Amino acid sequence: MYSDSEIRRLMDLLPASGRMMTKLMSKPEQRHVIDHPFPMPWMTARPVWVNFNLLSQLSRPECDLLVLRTVSWITSIKWFRPNWYQAAVLAGLMGITVEAVQADAVGMIAAGALSAIAGTQIWRENHSTQKELDADETALQVAQRRGYTETEAVQALLSAIEAVAQIEGRNLTLNDLLRSQNLRAIAQISPIGIPANLRKH
């Protein structure tokens, strides 16, 4: 079991935004090394559940990069960032309210459909491959501010991706493979990056 001092060390590793928005919590019964609920707009805190018994099977650099990467992804989810989709959700919700007051069923359905379509698009953006790759790159940048070289950080995150899959008794997912390929391209281990069409999925 990790001591409180190790948990504090991991928290100190995080950028200021990560320390403010997230909380590392021990969850020894989970099968995943590290897990978290999807950050919904009404959540004030963003918990990160860690099975420290499984996490202890990683090297310190792997552990550091895994935690940094997870927190980078969680803190990248922005529900209230002004864009067309959020404006459409808001317009749809306002439309539902107006149409409900006027008892206009067709108007309510149309406004609800607008909100649902825009909300689905926001959900997809937050689950895209690009969001995953961006979280990796943010974690690498933070790691370099914490004393790692880019090469060390890339190697630690690459080996953490593989080690976590092995510890959890599963194969690498498509996302894991795409992330690994992107990390190899960053470190110039491979000349092949991730095509733009795959980044959108």
N, C-alpha and C. Protein backbone atom coordinates (compact mmCIF):
# COMPACT_ATOMS: atom_id res chain seq x y z
N MET A 1 0.84 -1.20 0.00
CA MET A 1 0.00 0.00 0.00
C MET A 1 0.88 1.24 0.00
N TYR A 2 0.51 2.21 -0.79
CA TYR A 2 1.27 3.44 -0.85
C TYR A 2 1.02 4.27 0.40
N SER A 3 2.06 4.93 0.85
CA SER A 3 1.93 5.81 2.01
C SER A 3 1.35 7.14 1.59
N ASP A 4 0.91 7.90 2.60
CA ASP A 4 0.38 9.24 2.32
C ASP A 4 1.44 10.11 1.65
N SER A 5 2.70 9.89 2.02
CA SER A 5 3.77 10.71 1.43
C SER A 5 3.90 10.45 -0.07
N GLU A 6 3.67 9.21 -0.50
CA GLU A 6 3.73 8.90 -1.93
C GLU A 6 2.55 9.54 -2.67
N ILE A 7 1.39 9.53 -2.05
CA ILE A 7 0.23 10.18 -2.66
C ILE A 7 0.50 11.68 -2.78
N ARG A 8 1.08 12.26 -1.74
CA ARG A 8 1.42 13.69 -1.79
C ARG A 8 2.46 13.95 -2.90
N ARG A 9 3.40 13.02 -3.07
CA ARG A 9 4.41 13.18 -4.12
C ARG A 9 3.74 13.20 -5.49
N LEU A 10 2.79 12.30 -5.69
CA LEU A 10 2.08 12.27 -6.97
C LEU A 10 1.26 13.54 -7.18
N MET A 11 0.63 14.03 -6.12
CA MET A 11 -0.14 15.27 -6.24
C MET A 11 0.78 16.45 -6.56
N ASP A 12 1.97 16.46 -5.94
CA ASP A 12 2.93 17.54 -6.20
C ASP A 12 3.44 17.51 -7.63
N LEU A 13 3.40 16.34 -8.24
CA LEU A 13 3.85 16.17 -9.62
C LEU A 13 2.91 16.88 -10.60
N LEU A 14 1.65 17.01 -10.20
CA LEU A 14 0.62 17.55 -11.09
C LEU A 14 0.79 19.05 -11.29
N PRO A 15 0.32 19.56 -12.44
CA PRO A 15 0.28 21.01 -12.59
C PRO A 15 -0.76 21.60 -11.64
N ALA A 16 -0.72 22.90 -11.44
CA ALA A 16 -1.63 23.55 -10.48
C ALA A 16 -3.10 23.26 -10.80
N SER A 17 -3.46 23.29 -12.08
CA SER A 17 -4.86 23.02 -12.46
C SER A 17 -5.26 21.61 -12.08
N GLY A 18 -4.34 20.66 -12.24
CA GLY A 18 -4.62 19.27 -11.87
C GLY A 18 -4.82 19.10 -10.38
N ARG A 19 -4.00 19.78 -9.58
CA ARG A 19 -4.14 19.70 -8.12
C ARG A 19 -5.47 20.30 -7.66
N MET A 20 -5.91 21.36 -8.34
CA MET A 20 -7.16 22.01 -7.94
C MET A 20 -8.39 21.20 -8.36
N MET A 21 -8.33 20.58 -9.53
CA MET A 21 -9.53 19.95 -10.09
C MET A 21 -9.67 18.47 -9.77
N THR A 22 -8.57 17.80 -9.44
CA THR A 22 -8.64 16.35 -9.25
C THR A 22 -8.22 15.94 -7.85
N LYS A 23 -8.61 14.72 -7.50
CA LYS A 23 -8.24 14.16 -6.21
C LYS A 23 -7.91 12.69 -6.40
N LEU A 24 -6.69 12.29 -6.01
CA LEU A 24 -6.31 10.88 -6.08
C LEU A 24 -6.96 10.14 -4.92
N MET A 25 -7.64 9.04 -5.24
CA MET A 25 -8.34 8.27 -4.22
C MET A 25 -7.99 6.80 -4.37
N SER A 26 -7.70 6.15 -3.26
CA SER A 26 -7.37 4.72 -3.29
C SER A 26 -8.64 3.90 -3.50
N LYS A 27 -8.58 2.96 -4.43
CA LYS A 27 -9.71 2.06 -4.69
C LYS A 27 -9.13 0.67 -4.97
N PRO A 28 -8.72 -0.03 -3.90
CA PRO A 28 -8.01 -1.31 -4.09
C PRO A 28 -8.84 -2.42 -4.71
N GLU A 29 -10.17 -2.28 -4.69
CA GLU A 29 -11.01 -3.36 -5.22
C GLU A 29 -11.17 -3.30 -6.74
N GLN A 30 -10.77 -2.20 -7.39
CA GLN A 30 -10.98 -2.10 -8.83
C GLN A 30 -9.94 -2.92 -9.61
N ARG A 31 -10.36 -3.37 -10.81
CA ARG A 31 -9.48 -4.19 -11.65
C ARG A 31 -8.52 -3.34 -12.47
N HIS A 32 -8.84 -2.06 -12.62
CA HIS A 32 -7.98 -1.16 -13.40
C HIS A 32 -6.89 -0.57 -12.51
N VAL A 33 -5.75 -0.31 -13.12
CA VAL A 33 -4.66 0.34 -12.38
C VAL A 33 -5.11 1.74 -11.96
N ILE A 34 -5.68 2.47 -12.92
CA ILE A 34 -6.15 3.83 -12.66
C ILE A 34 -7.43 4.05 -13.46
N ASP A 35 -8.40 4.69 -12.84
CA ASP A 35 -9.70 4.86 -13.49
C ASP A 35 -10.32 6.17 -13.01
N HIS A 36 -11.37 6.58 -13.67
CA HIS A 36 -12.06 7.82 -13.30
C HIS A 36 -13.41 7.86 -13.98
N PRO A 37 -14.39 8.53 -13.37
CA PRO A 37 -15.65 8.73 -14.07
C PRO A 37 -15.47 9.82 -15.12
N PHE A 38 -16.32 9.79 -16.14
CA PHE A 38 -16.24 10.86 -17.14
C PHE A 38 -16.64 12.17 -16.47
N PRO A 39 -15.84 13.24 -16.62
CA PRO A 39 -16.14 14.50 -15.93
C PRO A 39 -17.37 15.20 -16.53
N MET A 40 -18.47 15.12 -15.82
CA MET A 40 -19.70 15.78 -16.27
C MET A 40 -19.71 17.23 -15.77
N PRO A 41 -20.52 18.09 -16.42
CA PRO A 41 -20.47 19.52 -16.08
C PRO A 41 -20.85 19.84 -14.64
N TRP A 42 -21.68 19.00 -14.02
CA TRP A 42 -22.13 19.30 -12.66
C TRP A 42 -21.17 18.78 -11.58
N MET A 43 -20.12 18.09 -11.99
CA MET A 43 -19.16 17.55 -11.01
C MET A 43 -18.20 18.65 -10.57
N THR A 44 -18.16 18.94 -9.27
CA THR A 44 -17.26 19.98 -8.76
C THR A 44 -15.83 19.46 -8.65
N ALA A 45 -15.68 18.20 -8.27
CA ALA A 45 -14.34 17.59 -8.18
C ALA A 45 -14.25 16.45 -9.18
N ARG A 46 -13.04 16.17 -9.62
CA ARG A 46 -12.84 15.09 -10.59
C ARG A 46 -11.96 14.02 -9.95
N PRO A 47 -12.60 12.98 -9.40
CA PRO A 47 -11.82 11.95 -8.72
C PRO A 47 -11.04 11.07 -9.69
N VAL A 48 -9.88 10.64 -9.24
CA VAL A 48 -9.07 9.66 -9.97
C VAL A 48 -8.90 8.48 -9.02
N TRP A 49 -9.46 7.33 -9.40
CA TRP A 49 -9.40 6.15 -8.55
C TRP A 49 -8.16 5.33 -8.91
N VAL A 50 -7.38 5.00 -7.91
CA VAL A 50 -6.12 4.29 -8.14
C VAL A 50 -6.08 3.02 -7.30
N ASN A 51 -5.75 1.91 -7.96
CA ASN A 51 -5.45 0.68 -7.24
C ASN A 51 -3.94 0.70 -7.01
N PHE A 52 -3.54 1.15 -5.82
CA PHE A 52 -2.12 1.34 -5.55
C PHE A 52 -1.34 0.03 -5.52
N ASN A 53 -2.03 -1.09 -5.24
CA ASN A 53 -1.35 -2.39 -5.29
C ASN A 53 -0.91 -2.71 -6.72
N LEU A 54 -1.77 -2.38 -7.68
CA LEU A 54 -1.41 -2.60 -9.09
C LEU A 54 -0.43 -1.53 -9.58
N LEU A 55 -0.63 -0.30 -9.14
CA LEU A 55 0.25 0.80 -9.56
C LEU A 55 1.68 0.55 -9.13
N SER A 56 1.85 -0.12 -7.99
CA SER A 56 3.20 -0.36 -7.47
C SER A 56 4.01 -1.32 -8.35
N GLN A 57 3.33 -2.00 -9.30
CA GLN A 57 4.04 -2.89 -10.22
C GLN A 57 4.74 -2.11 -11.35
N LEU A 58 4.43 -0.82 -11.46
CA LEU A 58 5.08 0.03 -12.46
C LEU A 58 6.33 0.66 -11.87
N SER A 59 7.26 1.03 -12.74
CA SER A 59 8.42 1.79 -12.29
C SER A 59 7.96 3.20 -11.92
N ARG A 60 8.79 3.94 -11.20
CA ARG A 60 8.40 5.30 -10.81
C ARG A 60 8.13 6.18 -12.03
N PRO A 61 9.00 6.19 -13.06
CA PRO A 61 8.68 7.01 -14.24
C PRO A 61 7.37 6.60 -14.92
N GLU A 62 7.12 5.29 -15.01
CA GLU A 62 5.86 4.83 -15.61
C GLU A 62 4.67 5.33 -14.79
N CYS A 63 4.79 5.19 -13.47
CA CYS A 63 3.74 5.64 -12.56
C CYS A 63 3.49 7.14 -12.72
N ASP A 64 4.58 7.92 -12.73
CA ASP A 64 4.46 9.37 -12.87
C ASP A 64 3.75 9.75 -14.16
N LEU A 65 4.18 9.16 -15.26
CA LEU A 65 3.60 9.53 -16.56
C LEU A 65 2.16 9.05 -16.69
N LEU A 66 1.84 7.90 -16.10
CA LEU A 66 0.47 7.41 -16.15
C LEU A 66 -0.46 8.36 -15.40
N VAL A 67 -0.05 8.79 -14.22
CA VAL A 67 -0.87 9.72 -13.43
C VAL A 67 -0.98 11.07 -14.14
N LEU A 68 0.15 11.58 -14.64
CA LEU A 68 0.13 12.86 -15.36
C LEU A 68 -0.78 12.80 -16.58
N ARG A 69 -0.72 11.70 -17.30
CA ARG A 69 -1.51 11.57 -18.51
C ARG A 69 -3.01 11.50 -18.18
N THR A 70 -3.35 10.73 -17.15
CA THR A 70 -4.75 10.61 -16.75
C THR A 70 -5.32 11.96 -16.34
N VAL A 71 -4.58 12.68 -15.52
CA VAL A 71 -5.04 13.99 -15.06
C VAL A 71 -5.08 14.99 -16.22
N SER A 72 -4.15 14.89 -17.15
CA SER A 72 -4.16 15.77 -18.33
C SER A 72 -5.42 15.57 -19.15
N TRP A 73 -5.85 14.31 -19.29
CA TRP A 73 -7.07 14.04 -20.05
C TRP A 73 -8.29 14.57 -19.30
N ILE A 74 -8.36 14.29 -18.00
CA ILE A 74 -9.52 14.72 -17.21
C ILE A 74 -9.67 16.24 -17.24
N THR A 75 -8.57 16.95 -17.07
CA THR A 75 -8.65 18.41 -17.01
C THR A 75 -8.82 19.05 -18.38
N SER A 76 -8.68 18.25 -19.44
CA SER A 76 -8.87 18.81 -20.79
C SER A 76 -10.34 18.86 -21.18
N ILE A 77 -11.20 18.18 -20.42
CA ILE A 77 -12.63 18.16 -20.74
C ILE A 77 -13.24 19.49 -20.30
N LYS A 78 -13.66 20.26 -21.27
CA LYS A 78 -14.24 21.58 -20.99
C LYS A 78 -15.67 21.61 -21.54
N TRP A 79 -16.63 21.59 -20.65
CA TRP A 79 -18.02 21.64 -21.09
C TRP A 79 -18.46 23.06 -21.41
N PHE A 80 -17.89 24.03 -20.72
CA PHE A 80 -18.36 25.41 -20.89
C PHE A 80 -17.34 26.27 -21.62
N ARG A 81 -16.91 25.78 -22.77
CA ARG A 81 -16.01 26.53 -23.63
C ARG A 81 -16.85 27.03 -24.80
N PRO A 82 -17.00 28.34 -24.97
CA PRO A 82 -17.92 28.85 -26.00
C PRO A 82 -17.57 28.33 -27.40
N ASN A 83 -18.52 27.65 -28.01
CA ASN A 83 -18.39 27.26 -29.42
C ASN A 83 -19.79 27.04 -29.98
N TRP A 84 -19.87 26.69 -31.25
CA TRP A 84 -21.17 26.57 -31.90
C TRP A 84 -22.02 25.51 -31.24
N TYR A 85 -21.42 24.36 -30.90
CA TYR A 85 -22.21 23.26 -30.34
C TYR A 85 -22.82 23.62 -29.00
N GLN A 86 -22.05 24.30 -28.16
CA GLN A 86 -22.59 24.69 -26.86
C GLN A 86 -23.68 25.74 -27.02
N ALA A 87 -23.51 26.64 -27.99
CA ALA A 87 -24.56 27.62 -28.26
C ALA A 87 -25.83 26.91 -28.73
N ALA A 88 -25.66 25.85 -29.54
CA ALA A 88 -26.82 25.10 -30.04
C ALA A 88 -27.53 24.37 -28.90
N VAL A 89 -26.76 23.79 -27.97
CA VAL A 89 -27.37 23.12 -26.81
C VAL A 89 -28.17 24.13 -26.01
N LEU A 90 -27.57 25.29 -25.75
CA LEU A 90 -28.24 26.33 -24.97
C LEU A 90 -29.50 26.82 -25.69
N ALA A 91 -29.38 27.05 -27.01
CA ALA A 91 -30.54 27.50 -27.78
C ALA A 91 -31.64 26.45 -27.76
N GLY A 92 -31.25 25.18 -27.87
CA GLY A 92 -32.23 24.11 -27.83
C GLY A 92 -32.95 24.02 -26.49
N LEU A 93 -32.19 24.15 -25.40
CA LEU A 93 -32.80 24.11 -24.07
C LEU A 93 -33.73 25.29 -23.85
N MET A 94 -33.31 26.47 -24.32
CA MET A 94 -34.18 27.64 -24.21
C MET A 94 -35.43 27.44 -25.06
N GLY A 95 -35.25 26.85 -26.24
CA GLY A 95 -36.38 26.58 -27.12
C GLY A 95 -37.37 25.63 -26.49
N ILE A 96 -36.86 24.59 -25.83
CA ILE A 96 -37.75 23.64 -25.14
C ILE A 96 -38.58 24.36 -24.09
N THR A 97 -37.92 25.24 -23.33
CA THR A 97 -38.63 25.98 -22.27
C THR A 97 -39.73 26.85 -22.85
N VAL A 98 -39.38 27.61 -23.90
CA VAL A 98 -40.37 28.50 -24.53
C VAL A 98 -41.53 27.70 -25.11
N GLU A 99 -41.19 26.61 -25.82
CA GLU A 99 -42.24 25.80 -26.45
C GLU A 99 -43.09 25.09 -25.40
N ALA A 100 -42.50 24.73 -24.26
CA ALA A 100 -43.27 24.09 -23.19
C ALA A 100 -44.28 25.07 -22.61
N VAL A 101 -43.85 26.32 -22.43
CA VAL A 101 -44.75 27.36 -21.92
C VAL A 101 -45.91 27.57 -22.90
N GLN A 102 -45.59 27.51 -24.19
CA GLN A 102 -46.62 27.71 -25.22
C GLN A 102 -47.37 26.42 -25.55
N ALA A 103 -46.97 25.32 -24.91
CA ALA A 103 -47.59 24.00 -25.14
C ALA A 103 -47.52 23.59 -26.60
N ASP A 104 -46.39 23.84 -27.23
CA ASP A 104 -46.18 23.49 -28.64
C ASP A 104 -45.32 22.23 -28.71
N ALA A 105 -45.96 21.08 -28.91
CA ALA A 105 -45.25 19.80 -28.89
C ALA A 105 -44.24 19.69 -30.03
N VAL A 106 -44.61 20.15 -31.22
CA VAL A 106 -43.70 20.07 -32.37
C VAL A 106 -42.46 20.93 -32.12
N GLY A 107 -42.66 22.12 -31.59
CA GLY A 107 -41.54 23.01 -31.27
C GLY A 107 -40.63 22.41 -30.21
N MET A 108 -41.25 21.75 -29.21
CA MET A 108 -40.45 21.10 -28.15
C MET A 108 -39.59 19.99 -28.74
N ILE A 109 -40.17 19.20 -29.63
CA ILE A 109 -39.42 18.10 -30.25
C ILE A 109 -38.26 18.64 -31.09
N ALA A 110 -38.52 19.70 -31.86
CA ALA A 110 -37.46 20.29 -32.69
C ALA A 110 -36.34 20.86 -31.84
N ALA A 111 -36.70 21.58 -30.77
CA ALA A 111 -35.68 22.15 -29.89
C ALA A 111 -34.91 21.05 -29.17
N GLY A 112 -35.62 20.00 -28.76
CA GLY A 112 -34.96 18.87 -28.10
C GLY A 112 -33.99 18.16 -29.03
N ALA A 113 -34.39 18.02 -30.30
CA ALA A 113 -33.51 17.37 -31.28
C ALA A 113 -32.25 18.20 -31.50
N LEU A 114 -32.39 19.52 -31.57
CA LEU A 114 -31.23 20.40 -31.73
C LEU A 114 -30.26 20.23 -30.56
N SER A 115 -30.80 20.22 -29.34
CA SER A 115 -29.95 20.03 -28.15
C SER A 115 -29.26 18.68 -28.17
N ALA A 116 -30.01 17.64 -28.54
CA ALA A 116 -29.45 16.28 -28.54
C ALA A 116 -28.33 16.15 -29.56
N ILE A 117 -28.52 16.70 -30.75
CA ILE A 117 -27.49 16.61 -31.80
C ILE A 117 -26.22 17.35 -31.36
N ALA A 118 -26.40 18.56 -30.85
CA ALA A 118 -25.23 19.35 -30.41
C ALA A 118 -24.55 18.69 -29.22
N GLY A 119 -25.35 18.16 -28.29
CA GLY A 119 -24.78 17.48 -27.11
C GLY A 119 -23.99 16.24 -27.51
N THR A 120 -24.50 15.50 -28.50
CA THR A 120 -23.78 14.32 -28.99
C THR A 120 -22.45 14.71 -29.61
N GLN A 121 -22.43 15.83 -30.33
CA GLN A 121 -21.18 16.28 -30.95
C GLN A 121 -20.15 16.68 -29.90
N ILE A 122 -20.60 17.35 -28.83
CA ILE A 122 -19.69 17.70 -27.73
C ILE A 122 -19.12 16.43 -27.11
N TRP A 123 -19.99 15.43 -26.90
CA TRP A 123 -19.56 14.16 -26.32
C TRP A 123 -18.50 13.50 -27.21
N ARG A 124 -18.74 13.49 -28.52
CA ARG A 124 -17.78 12.88 -29.46
C ARG A 124 -16.44 13.60 -29.44
N GLU A 125 -16.47 14.92 -29.41
CA GLU A 125 -15.22 15.69 -29.36
C GLU A 125 -14.40 15.32 -28.12
N ASN A 126 -15.09 15.14 -27.00
CA ASN A 126 -14.40 14.82 -25.75
C ASN A 126 -13.92 13.37 -25.69
N HIS A 127 -14.39 12.53 -26.62
CA HIS A 127 -13.96 11.13 -26.67
C HIS A 127 -13.14 10.83 -27.92
N SER A 128 -12.68 11.85 -28.61
CA SER A 128 -11.96 11.64 -29.87
C SER A 128 -10.53 11.17 -29.63
N THR A 129 -9.96 10.56 -30.66
CA THR A 129 -8.55 10.16 -30.61
C THR A 129 -7.66 11.38 -30.42
N GLN A 130 -8.03 12.50 -31.05
CA GLN A 130 -7.24 13.72 -30.91
C GLN A 130 -7.15 14.15 -29.46
N LYS A 131 -8.25 14.02 -28.72
CA LYS A 131 -8.25 14.38 -27.29
C LYS A 131 -7.28 13.48 -26.52
N GLU A 132 -7.23 12.20 -26.88
CA GLU A 132 -6.31 11.26 -26.24
C GLU A 132 -4.85 11.64 -26.54
N LEU A 133 -4.57 11.95 -27.80
CA LEU A 133 -3.20 12.31 -28.19
C LEU A 133 -2.78 13.63 -27.54
N ASP A 134 -3.71 14.57 -27.46
CA ASP A 134 -3.41 15.85 -26.81
C ASP A 134 -3.07 15.65 -25.34
N ALA A 135 -3.80 14.74 -24.68
CA ALA A 135 -3.53 14.46 -23.25
C ALA A 135 -2.13 13.87 -23.08
N ASP A 136 -1.73 12.99 -23.99
CA ASP A 136 -0.36 12.43 -23.94
C ASP A 136 0.68 13.55 -24.06
N GLU A 137 0.47 14.42 -25.04
CA GLU A 137 1.44 15.49 -25.29
C GLU A 137 1.51 16.48 -24.12
N THR A 138 0.36 16.76 -23.50
CA THR A 138 0.35 17.63 -22.32
C THR A 138 1.12 16.98 -21.18
N ALA A 139 0.90 15.68 -20.98
CA ALA A 139 1.62 14.96 -19.91
C ALA A 139 3.12 15.00 -20.14
N LEU A 140 3.55 14.87 -21.39
CA LEU A 140 4.98 14.93 -21.70
C LEU A 140 5.55 16.31 -21.37
N GLN A 141 4.79 17.35 -21.68
CA GLN A 141 5.25 18.72 -21.38
C GLN A 141 5.39 18.94 -19.88
N VAL A 142 4.40 18.47 -19.11
CA VAL A 142 4.46 18.63 -17.65
C VAL A 142 5.64 17.83 -17.10
N ALA A 143 5.83 16.61 -17.61
CA ALA A 143 6.94 15.77 -17.14
C ALA A 143 8.28 16.45 -17.36
N GLN A 144 8.42 17.13 -18.49
CA GLN A 144 9.69 17.84 -18.76
C GLN A 144 9.90 18.99 -17.79
N ARG A 145 8.81 19.61 -17.33
CA ARG A 145 8.95 20.65 -16.31
C ARG A 145 9.27 20.06 -14.94
N ARG A 146 9.06 18.75 -14.80
CA ARG A 146 9.35 18.06 -13.54
C ARG A 146 10.68 17.31 -13.57
N GLY A 147 11.50 17.58 -14.59
CA GLY A 147 12.85 17.04 -14.61
C GLY A 147 13.11 15.90 -15.57
N TYR A 148 12.08 15.40 -16.25
CA TYR A 148 12.29 14.35 -17.25
C TYR A 148 12.73 14.98 -18.56
N THR A 149 13.55 14.26 -19.32
CA THR A 149 13.82 14.68 -20.69
C THR A 149 12.64 14.19 -21.54
N GLU A 150 12.50 14.74 -22.74
CA GLU A 150 11.41 14.29 -23.61
C GLU A 150 11.52 12.80 -23.90
N THR A 151 12.73 12.33 -24.16
CA THR A 151 12.94 10.91 -24.46
C THR A 151 12.54 10.03 -23.28
N GLU A 152 12.96 10.42 -22.08
CA GLU A 152 12.61 9.65 -20.88
C GLU A 152 11.10 9.61 -20.67
N ALA A 153 10.46 10.76 -20.87
CA ALA A 153 9.01 10.85 -20.67
C ALA A 153 8.26 9.98 -21.68
N VAL A 154 8.68 10.06 -22.96
CA VAL A 154 8.04 9.25 -24.00
C VAL A 154 8.22 7.76 -23.70
N GLN A 155 9.44 7.35 -23.37
CA GLN A 155 9.69 5.94 -23.09
C GLN A 155 8.88 5.46 -21.89
N ALA A 156 8.78 6.30 -20.85
CA ALA A 156 8.02 5.92 -19.66
C ALA A 156 6.54 5.76 -19.98
N LEU A 157 5.99 6.68 -20.76
CA LEU A 157 4.57 6.59 -21.11
C LEU A 157 4.30 5.42 -22.04
N LEU A 158 5.19 5.20 -23.00
CA LEU A 158 5.05 4.03 -23.88
C LEU A 158 5.05 2.73 -23.09
N SER A 159 6.01 2.58 -22.20
CA SER A 159 6.08 1.33 -21.43
C SER A 159 4.93 1.23 -20.44
N ALA A 160 4.42 2.38 -19.94
CA ALA A 160 3.26 2.35 -19.04
C ALA A 160 2.01 1.85 -19.76
N ILE A 161 1.82 2.28 -21.00
CA ILE A 161 0.65 1.82 -21.78
C ILE A 161 0.67 0.31 -21.90
N GLU A 162 1.84 -0.25 -22.23
CA GLU A 162 1.96 -1.71 -22.39
C GLU A 162 1.85 -2.42 -21.05
N ALA A 163 2.48 -1.86 -20.01
CA ALA A 163 2.47 -2.51 -18.69
C ALA A 163 1.07 -2.55 -18.10
N VAL A 164 0.32 -1.47 -18.25
CA VAL A 164 -1.05 -1.43 -17.71
C VAL A 164 -1.92 -2.49 -18.37
N ALA A 165 -1.82 -2.63 -19.69
CA ALA A 165 -2.59 -3.67 -20.38
C ALA A 165 -2.23 -5.05 -19.86
N GLN A 166 -0.94 -5.28 -19.64
CA GLN A 166 -0.49 -6.58 -19.13
C GLN A 166 -0.99 -6.82 -17.71
N ILE A 167 -0.87 -5.82 -16.84
CA ILE A 167 -1.33 -5.95 -15.45
C ILE A 167 -2.83 -6.22 -15.40
N GLU A 168 -3.59 -5.55 -16.27
CA GLU A 168 -5.04 -5.70 -16.27
C GLU A 168 -5.50 -6.93 -17.05
N GLY A 169 -4.55 -7.67 -17.65
CA GLY A 169 -4.87 -8.91 -18.34
C GLY A 169 -5.69 -8.70 -19.61
N ARG A 170 -5.36 -7.68 -20.36
CA ARG A 170 -6.09 -7.39 -21.60
C ARG A 170 -5.12 -7.07 -22.72
N ASN A 171 -5.64 -7.10 -23.94
CA ASN A 171 -4.85 -6.70 -25.10
C ASN A 171 -4.83 -5.18 -25.20
N LEU A 172 -3.88 -4.66 -25.94
CA LEU A 172 -3.86 -3.22 -26.21
C LEU A 172 -5.07 -2.86 -27.07
N THR A 173 -5.74 -1.78 -26.72
CA THR A 173 -6.89 -1.32 -27.50
C THR A 173 -6.39 -0.55 -28.73
N LEU A 174 -7.31 -0.24 -29.64
CA LEU A 174 -6.96 0.57 -30.81
C LEU A 174 -6.41 1.92 -30.35
N ASN A 175 -7.04 2.51 -29.34
CA ASN A 175 -6.55 3.79 -28.82
C ASN A 175 -5.14 3.67 -28.27
N ASP A 176 -4.87 2.57 -27.55
CA ASP A 176 -3.52 2.33 -27.02
C ASP A 176 -2.50 2.27 -28.16
N LEU A 177 -2.86 1.56 -29.23
CA LEU A 177 -1.95 1.41 -30.36
C LEU A 177 -1.70 2.74 -31.08
N LEU A 178 -2.77 3.52 -31.25
CA LEU A 178 -2.62 4.84 -31.89
C LEU A 178 -1.78 5.77 -31.03
N ARG A 179 -2.03 5.75 -29.72
CA ARG A 179 -1.24 6.59 -28.81
C ARG A 179 0.23 6.18 -28.85
N SER A 180 0.48 4.88 -28.85
CA SER A 180 1.87 4.39 -28.88
C SER A 180 2.57 4.82 -30.16
N GLN A 181 1.86 4.72 -31.29
CA GLN A 181 2.45 5.13 -32.57
C GLN A 181 2.76 6.62 -32.58
N ASN A 182 1.85 7.41 -32.02
CA ASN A 182 2.07 8.86 -31.96
C ASN A 182 3.26 9.19 -31.07
N LEU A 183 3.40 8.48 -29.96
CA LEU A 183 4.54 8.71 -29.06
C LEU A 183 5.86 8.34 -29.75
N ARG A 184 5.85 7.26 -30.53
CA ARG A 184 7.06 6.88 -31.27
C ARG A 184 7.43 7.95 -32.29
N ALA A 185 6.40 8.55 -32.91
CA ALA A 185 6.66 9.62 -33.88
C ALA A 185 7.23 10.85 -33.18
N ILE A 186 6.71 11.17 -32.00
CA ILE A 186 7.22 12.32 -31.24
C ILE A 186 8.69 12.13 -30.90
N ALA A 187 9.02 10.90 -30.48
CA ALA A 187 10.40 10.59 -30.08
C ALA A 187 11.29 10.29 -31.29
N GLN A 188 10.71 10.36 -32.50
CA GLN A 188 11.42 10.07 -33.74
C GLN A 188 11.95 8.65 -33.78
N ILE A 189 11.25 7.75 -33.07
CA ILE A 189 11.57 6.33 -33.16
C ILE A 189 10.97 5.78 -34.45
N SER A 190 9.83 6.38 -34.85
CA SER A 190 9.16 5.97 -36.08
C SER A 190 8.84 7.21 -36.91
N PRO A 191 8.98 7.12 -38.24
CA PRO A 191 8.65 8.27 -39.09
C PRO A 191 7.15 8.39 -39.36
N ILE A 192 6.39 7.39 -38.94
CA ILE A 192 4.96 7.35 -39.26
C ILE A 192 4.15 7.92 -38.10
N GLY A 193 3.42 9.01 -38.37
CA GLY A 193 2.54 9.60 -37.37
C GLY A 193 1.12 9.07 -37.52
N ILE A 194 0.18 9.77 -36.90
CA ILE A 194 -1.23 9.37 -36.98
C ILE A 194 -1.92 10.22 -38.04
N PRO A 195 -2.53 9.59 -39.07
CA PRO A 195 -3.22 10.36 -40.11
C PRO A 195 -4.36 11.21 -39.52
N ALA A 196 -4.63 12.33 -40.16
CA ALA A 196 -5.65 13.27 -39.66
C ALA A 196 -7.02 12.61 -39.55
N ASN A 197 -7.36 11.71 -40.49
CA ASN A 197 -8.69 11.10 -40.44
C ASN A 197 -8.86 10.20 -39.21
N LEU A 198 -7.78 9.58 -38.73
CA LEU A 198 -7.87 8.75 -37.53
C LEU A 198 -7.92 9.60 -36.27
N ARG A 199 -7.34 10.77 -36.30
CA ARG A 199 -7.35 11.66 -35.13
C ARG A 199 -8.75 12.13 -34.78
N LYS A 200 -9.65 12.16 -35.76
CA LYS A 200 -11.00 12.69 -35.53
C LYS A 200 -11.92 11.67 -34.88
N HIS A 201 -11.56 10.39 -34.91
CA HIS A 201 -12.45 9.34 -34.40
C HIS A 201 -12.33 9.20 -32.90
